[in-house]
């Protein structure tokens, strides 16, 4: 499984940060790309509240990446 080879903490500039920080950055990058794609195709016109969709997609992706780590 994936969580067997991922360490619980990473050394970043001599500071130990949790691996979820890496999952957070990965989710933020994925949401940024997805946001650009959704805006280019005008798919935000189909939802009631685009900011709520962005937050929900971010937390969903972050949860998936976090579950892959732990």
C-alpha atoms as a PDB file:
ATOM      1  CA  UNK A   1       0.000   0.000   0.000  1.00  0.00           C
ATOM      2  CA  UNK A   2       0.954   3.610  -0.456  1.00  0.00           C
ATOM      3  CA  UNK A   3       1.084   4.487   3.238  1.00  0.00           C
ATOM      4  CA  UNK A   4       3.803   1.903   3.922  1.00  0.00           C
ATOM      5  CA  UNK A   5       6.563   3.916   2.244  1.00  0.00           C
ATOM      6  CA  UNK A   6       5.435   7.478   3.033  1.00  0.00           C
ATOM      7  CA  UNK A   7       7.016   8.850   6.231  1.00  0.00           C
ATOM      8  CA  UNK A   8       4.823  10.487   8.867  1.00  0.00           C
ATOM      9  CA  UNK A   9       6.981  13.611   8.911  1.00  0.00           C
ATOM     10  CA  UNK A  10       9.094  15.354   6.311  1.00  0.00           C
ATOM     11  CA  UNK A  11      12.126  17.547   6.937  1.00  0.00           C
ATOM     12  CA  UNK A  12      11.551  20.896   5.256  1.00  0.00           C
ATOM     13  CA  UNK A  13      14.213  23.572   5.875  1.00  0.00           C
ATOM     14  CA  UNK A  14      15.257  21.816   9.104  1.00  0.00           C
ATOM     15  CA  UNK A  15      11.676  21.784  10.371  1.00  0.00           C
ATOM     16  CA  UNK A  16       9.594  18.657  10.631  1.00  0.00           C
ATOM     17  CA  UNK A  17       6.237  19.065   8.920  1.00  0.00           C
ATOM     18  CA  UNK A  18       3.512  16.439   8.726  1.00  0.00           C
ATOM     19  CA  UNK A  19       3.021  14.566   5.494  1.00  0.00           C
ATOM     20  CA  UNK A  20      -0.436  16.106   5.276  1.00  0.00           C
ATOM     21  CA  UNK A  21       1.311  19.354   4.353  1.00  0.00           C
ATOM     22  CA  UNK A  22       2.438  17.666   1.145  1.00  0.00           C
ATOM     23  CA  UNK A  23      -1.114  16.420   0.575  1.00  0.00           C
ATOM     24  CA  UNK A  24      -2.365  19.982   1.166  1.00  0.00           C
ATOM     25  CA  UNK A  25       0.018  21.398  -1.442  1.00  0.00           C
ATOM     26  CA  UNK A  26      -0.888  18.667  -3.915  1.00  0.00           C
ATOM     27  CA  UNK A  27      -4.608  19.292  -3.423  1.00  0.00           C
ATOM     28  CA  UNK A  28      -4.114  23.054  -3.778  1.00  0.00           C
ATOM     29  CA  UNK A  29      -2.258  22.576  -7.062  1.00  0.00           C
ATOM     30  CA  UNK A  30      -4.869  20.164  -8.385  1.00  0.00           C
ATOM     31  CA  UNK A  31      -7.700  22.523  -7.451  1.00  0.00           C
ATOM     32  CA  UNK A  32      -5.900  25.429  -9.105  1.00  0.00           C
ATOM     33  CA  UNK A  33      -5.677  23.466 -12.367  1.00  0.00           C
ATOM     34  CA  UNK A  34      -9.256  22.222 -12.059  1.00  0.00           C
ATOM     35  CA  UNK A  35     -10.442  25.772 -11.349  1.00  0.00           C
ATOM     36  CA  UNK A  36      -8.761  27.059 -14.502  1.00  0.00           C
ATOM     37  CA  UNK A  37     -10.355  24.269 -16.527  1.00  0.00           C
ATOM     38  CA  UNK A  38     -13.831  24.842 -15.077  1.00  0.00           C
ATOM     39  CA  UNK A  39     -13.559  28.587 -15.693  1.00  0.00           C
ATOM     40  CA  UNK A  40     -12.357  28.097 -19.262  1.00  0.00           C
ATOM     41  CA  UNK A  41     -15.349  25.906 -20.067  1.00  0.00           C
ATOM     42  CA  UNK A  42     -17.776  28.270 -18.250  1.00  0.00           C
ATOM     43  CA  UNK A  43     -18.985  25.440 -16.039  1.00  0.00           C
ATOM     44  CA  UNK A  44     -19.260  27.772 -13.066  1.00  0.00           C
ATOM     45  CA  UNK A  45     -22.370  29.209 -14.695  1.00  0.00           C
ATOM     46  CA  UNK A  46     -24.136  25.926 -13.959  1.00  0.00           C
ATOM     47  CA  UNK A  47     -23.656  26.026 -10.183  1.00  0.00           C
ATOM     48  CA  UNK A  48     -25.456  28.160  -7.647  1.00  0.00           C
ATOM     49  CA  UNK A  49     -22.421  29.301  -5.661  1.00  0.00           C
ATOM     50  CA  UNK A  50     -19.019  28.798  -7.361  1.00  0.00           C
ATOM     51  CA  UNK A  51     -16.950  29.589  -4.248  1.00  0.00           C
ATOM     52  CA  UNK A  52     -18.742  26.853  -2.321  1.00  0.00           C
ATOM     53  CA  UNK A  53     -18.003  24.396  -5.126  1.00  0.00           C
ATOM     54  CA  UNK A  54     -14.312  25.345  -5.031  1.00  0.00           C
ATOM     55  CA  UNK A  55     -14.122  24.768  -1.268  1.00  0.00           C
ATOM     56  CA  UNK A  56     -16.022  21.477  -1.493  1.00  0.00           C
ATOM     57  CA  UNK A  57     -13.764  20.205  -4.281  1.00  0.00           C
ATOM     58  CA  UNK A  58     -10.663  21.213  -2.331  1.00  0.00           C
ATOM     59  CA  UNK A  59     -11.748  19.445   0.846  1.00  0.00           C
ATOM     60  CA  UNK A  60     -12.774  16.372  -1.119  1.00  0.00           C
ATOM     61  CA  UNK A  61      -9.403  16.129  -2.860  1.00  0.00           C
ATOM     62  CA  UNK A  62      -7.503  16.916   0.328  1.00  0.00           C
ATOM     63  CA  UNK A  63      -9.426  14.179   2.133  1.00  0.00           C
ATOM     64  CA  UNK A  64      -8.631  11.655  -0.597  1.00  0.00           C
ATOM     65  CA  UNK A  65      -4.933  12.561  -0.553  1.00  0.00           C
ATOM     66  CA  UNK A  66      -4.912  12.484   3.260  1.00  0.00           C
ATOM     67  CA  UNK A  67      -6.495   9.038   3.316  1.00  0.00           C
ATOM     68  CA  UNK A  68      -3.859   7.846   0.868  1.00  0.00           C
ATOM     69  CA  UNK A  69      -1.160   8.940   3.322  1.00  0.00           C
ATOM     70  CA  UNK A  70      -2.696   7.539   6.482  1.00  0.00           C
END
